[in-house]
N, C-alpha and C. Protein backbone atom coordinates (compact mmCIF):
# COMPACT_ATOMS: atom_id res chain seq x y z
N MET A 1 -92.09 103.50 30.03
CA MET A 1 -90.42 103.90 29.91
C MET A 1 -90.44 102.39 28.81
N SER A 2 -89.66 102.94 27.62
CA SER A 2 -89.75 101.91 26.56
C SER A 2 -87.69 102.37 26.02
N TYR A 3 -87.63 101.36 25.78
CA TYR A 3 -86.11 101.25 25.64
C TYR A 3 -85.62 100.08 24.14
N THR A 4 -84.40 100.87 23.39
CA THR A 4 -84.16 99.56 22.47
C THR A 4 -82.48 98.75 23.57
N VAL A 5 -82.43 97.24 23.27
CA VAL A 5 -81.34 96.80 23.39
C VAL A 5 -80.76 95.41 22.02
N GLY A 6 -79.40 95.87 22.17
CA GLY A 6 -78.30 95.53 20.67
C GLY A 6 -77.83 95.53 21.24
N ALA A 7 -77.82 93.58 21.21
CA ALA A 7 -76.52 93.07 21.30
C ALA A 7 -76.41 91.40 20.47
N TYR A 8 -74.93 91.06 20.55
CA TYR A 8 -75.54 89.60 19.73
C TYR A 8 -75.73 89.43 18.79
N GLY A 9 -76.34 90.23 17.87
CA GLY A 9 -77.40 89.79 16.73
C GLY A 9 -78.78 90.59 16.97
N LEU A 10 -78.93 90.72 17.84
CA LEU A 10 -80.59 91.07 18.39
C LEU A 10 -80.73 92.32 18.78
N GLU A 11 -81.93 92.46 18.15
CA GLU A 11 -82.59 94.09 18.40
C GLU A 11 -83.95 94.15 18.94
N SER A 12 -84.24 94.33 20.47
CA SER A 12 -85.20 94.12 21.26
C SER A 12 -85.66 95.21 21.75
N VAL A 13 -87.10 95.18 22.31
CA VAL A 13 -87.69 96.37 22.57
C VAL A 13 -88.19 96.39 24.23
N VAL A 14 -87.34 96.58 25.58
CA VAL A 14 -88.12 96.90 26.48
C VAL A 14 -88.54 97.39 26.75
N THR A 15 -89.82 97.44 27.53
CA THR A 15 -90.86 98.54 28.52
C THR A 15 -91.17 98.25 28.99
N ARG A 16 -91.33 99.07 29.80
CA ARG A 16 -91.52 99.02 31.57
C ARG A 16 -92.56 100.02 31.80
N SER A 17 -93.76 99.15 32.57
CA SER A 17 -94.55 100.45 33.01
C SER A 17 -94.77 100.29 34.61
N LEU A 18 -96.00 101.23 34.82
CA LEU A 18 -96.38 101.38 36.86
C LEU A 18 -97.64 101.60 36.28
N THR A 19 -98.14 100.99 37.56
CA THR A 19 -99.75 101.23 37.11
C THR A 19 -100.12 101.12 38.75
N PRO A 20 -100.88 102.56 38.99
CA PRO A 20 -101.34 102.72 40.72
C PRO A 20 -102.08 101.11 40.70
N SER A 21 -102.32 100.55 42.17
CA SER A 21 -103.32 99.51 42.37
C SER A 21 -103.08 99.32 43.61
N SER A 22 -104.41 99.12 44.19
CA SER A 22 -105.20 98.90 45.75
C SER A 22 -103.74 98.89 46.75
N THR A 23 -103.21 98.25 46.61
CA THR A 23 -102.20 97.91 47.45
C THR A 23 -100.43 98.75 47.74
N GLY A 24 -100.56 99.21 45.88
CA GLY A 24 -99.26 100.30 45.46
C GLY A 24 -98.90 100.12 45.06
N THR A 25 -97.63 99.40 43.75
CA THR A 25 -98.00 100.14 42.03
C THR A 25 -97.43 99.02 41.83
N HIS A 26 -97.73 98.33 40.54
CA HIS A 26 -97.18 97.74 39.91
C HIS A 26 -96.38 97.62 38.84
N LEU A 27 -95.31 96.67 38.75
CA LEU A 27 -94.62 96.43 37.64
C LEU A 27 -94.48 95.66 37.11
N ARG A 28 -94.91 96.49 35.62
CA ARG A 28 -94.86 95.14 34.56
C ARG A 28 -93.26 95.88 33.37
N MET A 29 -92.32 94.46 32.97
CA MET A 29 -91.94 94.60 32.41
C MET A 29 -92.03 93.59 30.72
N GLU A 30 -91.65 94.14 29.71
CA GLU A 30 -91.86 93.66 28.52
C GLU A 30 -90.49 93.36 27.53
N GLN A 31 -90.22 92.63 27.48
CA GLN A 31 -89.52 92.46 26.10
C GLN A 31 -89.97 91.88 24.55
N SER A 32 -90.07 92.81 23.89
CA SER A 32 -90.09 91.78 22.37
C SER A 32 -89.40 92.20 21.04
N GLY A 33 -89.16 91.22 20.47
CA GLY A 33 -88.36 91.65 19.36
C GLY A 33 -87.75 90.06 19.05
N PHE A 34 -88.05 89.25 19.78
CA PHE A 34 -86.75 87.67 19.87
C PHE A 34 -87.54 87.17 18.13
N ARG A 35 -86.42 86.46 17.32
CA ARG A 35 -86.80 85.58 16.30
C ARG A 35 -87.23 84.07 16.89
N PRO A 36 -87.36 84.20 16.01
CA PRO A 36 -87.48 82.29 16.37
C PRO A 36 -86.37 81.14 16.63
N ASP A 37 -85.41 82.08 15.71
CA ASP A 37 -83.78 81.11 15.78
C ASP A 37 -83.20 81.85 17.24
N GLN A 38 -83.55 83.19 18.09
CA GLN A 38 -82.75 83.00 19.00
C GLN A 38 -84.02 82.29 20.72
N GLN A 39 -83.86 81.72 20.23
CA GLN A 39 -84.15 80.75 21.34
C GLN A 39 -83.73 80.78 22.80
N GLN A 40 -82.09 81.10 22.46
CA GLN A 40 -81.29 80.93 23.64
C GLN A 40 -81.22 82.48 24.42
N ALA A 41 -81.31 83.25 23.25
CA ALA A 41 -80.93 85.16 23.78
C ALA A 41 -82.70 85.46 24.60
N HIS A 42 -83.89 84.53 24.35
CA HIS A 42 -84.99 85.01 24.66
C HIS A 42 -84.46 84.03 26.39
N GLN A 43 -84.33 82.84 26.64
CA GLN A 43 -83.78 82.01 27.68
C GLN A 43 -83.13 82.99 28.51
N GLY A 44 -81.89 83.74 28.26
CA GLY A 44 -81.38 84.27 28.78
C GLY A 44 -81.25 85.66 29.19
N ALA A 45 -82.05 85.87 28.34
CA ALA A 45 -83.16 87.77 28.55
C ALA A 45 -84.57 87.19 29.88
N ASN A 46 -84.46 86.11 29.71
CA ASN A 46 -86.11 85.69 31.03
C ASN A 46 -85.22 85.23 31.70
N CYS A 47 -83.87 84.77 32.39
CA CYS A 47 -83.16 84.29 33.02
C CYS A 47 -83.01 85.58 33.88
N GLY A 48 -82.32 86.87 33.35
CA GLY A 48 -81.27 87.60 33.83
C GLY A 48 -83.30 88.53 34.48
N CYS A 49 -84.03 88.79 33.92
CA CYS A 49 -84.51 89.69 34.63
C CYS A 49 -85.11 88.93 36.04
N GLN A 50 -85.60 87.84 35.62
CA GLN A 50 -85.50 86.68 37.27
C GLN A 50 -84.73 87.91 37.96
N GLY A 51 -83.82 88.01 38.12
CA GLY A 51 -82.87 88.97 38.83
C GLY A 51 -83.18 90.15 39.73
N PHE A 52 -83.64 90.66 38.71
CA PHE A 52 -84.70 91.59 38.78
C PHE A 52 -85.40 92.09 39.85
N PHE A 53 -86.19 91.77 39.18
CA PHE A 53 -87.20 91.31 39.96
C PHE A 53 -88.21 90.24 41.55
N ALA A 54 -86.65 89.45 41.29
CA ALA A 54 -86.34 89.14 43.05
C ALA A 54 -86.03 90.67 44.41
N ALA A 55 -85.84 91.28 43.89
CA ALA A 55 -84.97 92.06 45.03
C ALA A 55 -85.27 93.38 44.00
N PRO A 56 -86.06 93.90 44.31
CA PRO A 56 -86.24 95.37 43.90
C PRO A 56 -86.31 96.29 44.56
N GLU A 57 -86.41 95.82 45.77
CA GLU A 57 -86.06 96.77 46.95
C GLU A 57 -84.32 97.12 46.59
N GLN A 58 -83.55 96.45 46.64
CA GLN A 58 -82.15 96.21 46.47
C GLN A 58 -81.73 97.48 44.87
N VAL A 59 -82.62 97.28 44.05
CA VAL A 59 -82.27 98.14 42.44
C VAL A 59 -82.52 99.41 42.94
N LEU A 60 -84.28 99.71 43.54
CA LEU A 60 -84.33 100.58 44.05
C LEU A 60 -83.49 101.53 45.16
N ALA A 61 -83.24 100.65 45.37
CA ALA A 61 -81.47 101.48 46.61
C ALA A 61 -80.85 102.76 46.05
N ARG A 62 -80.86 102.26 44.61
CA ARG A 62 -78.88 102.40 44.54
C ARG A 62 -78.92 103.61 43.37
N ILE A 63 -80.89 103.68 43.27
CA ILE A 63 -81.11 105.63 42.80
C ILE A 63 -80.86 106.62 43.13
N ASP A 64 -80.74 106.90 42.98
CA ASP A 64 -80.16 108.25 43.55
C ASP A 64 -81.56 108.86 43.20
């Protein structure tokens, strides 16, 4: 699944993929499109993603 994020002059693409593994499912998320002058945006996105991956069970529990 891929989608475009646009905010504060940043246009980036977020891609999430699920791959079967021997112990369940591997979730990979990648965000691309940051320019060299957007280090602060890159760091903010990196910190925000940590919260999502810290407790995926809680995030998934909210999905109907």
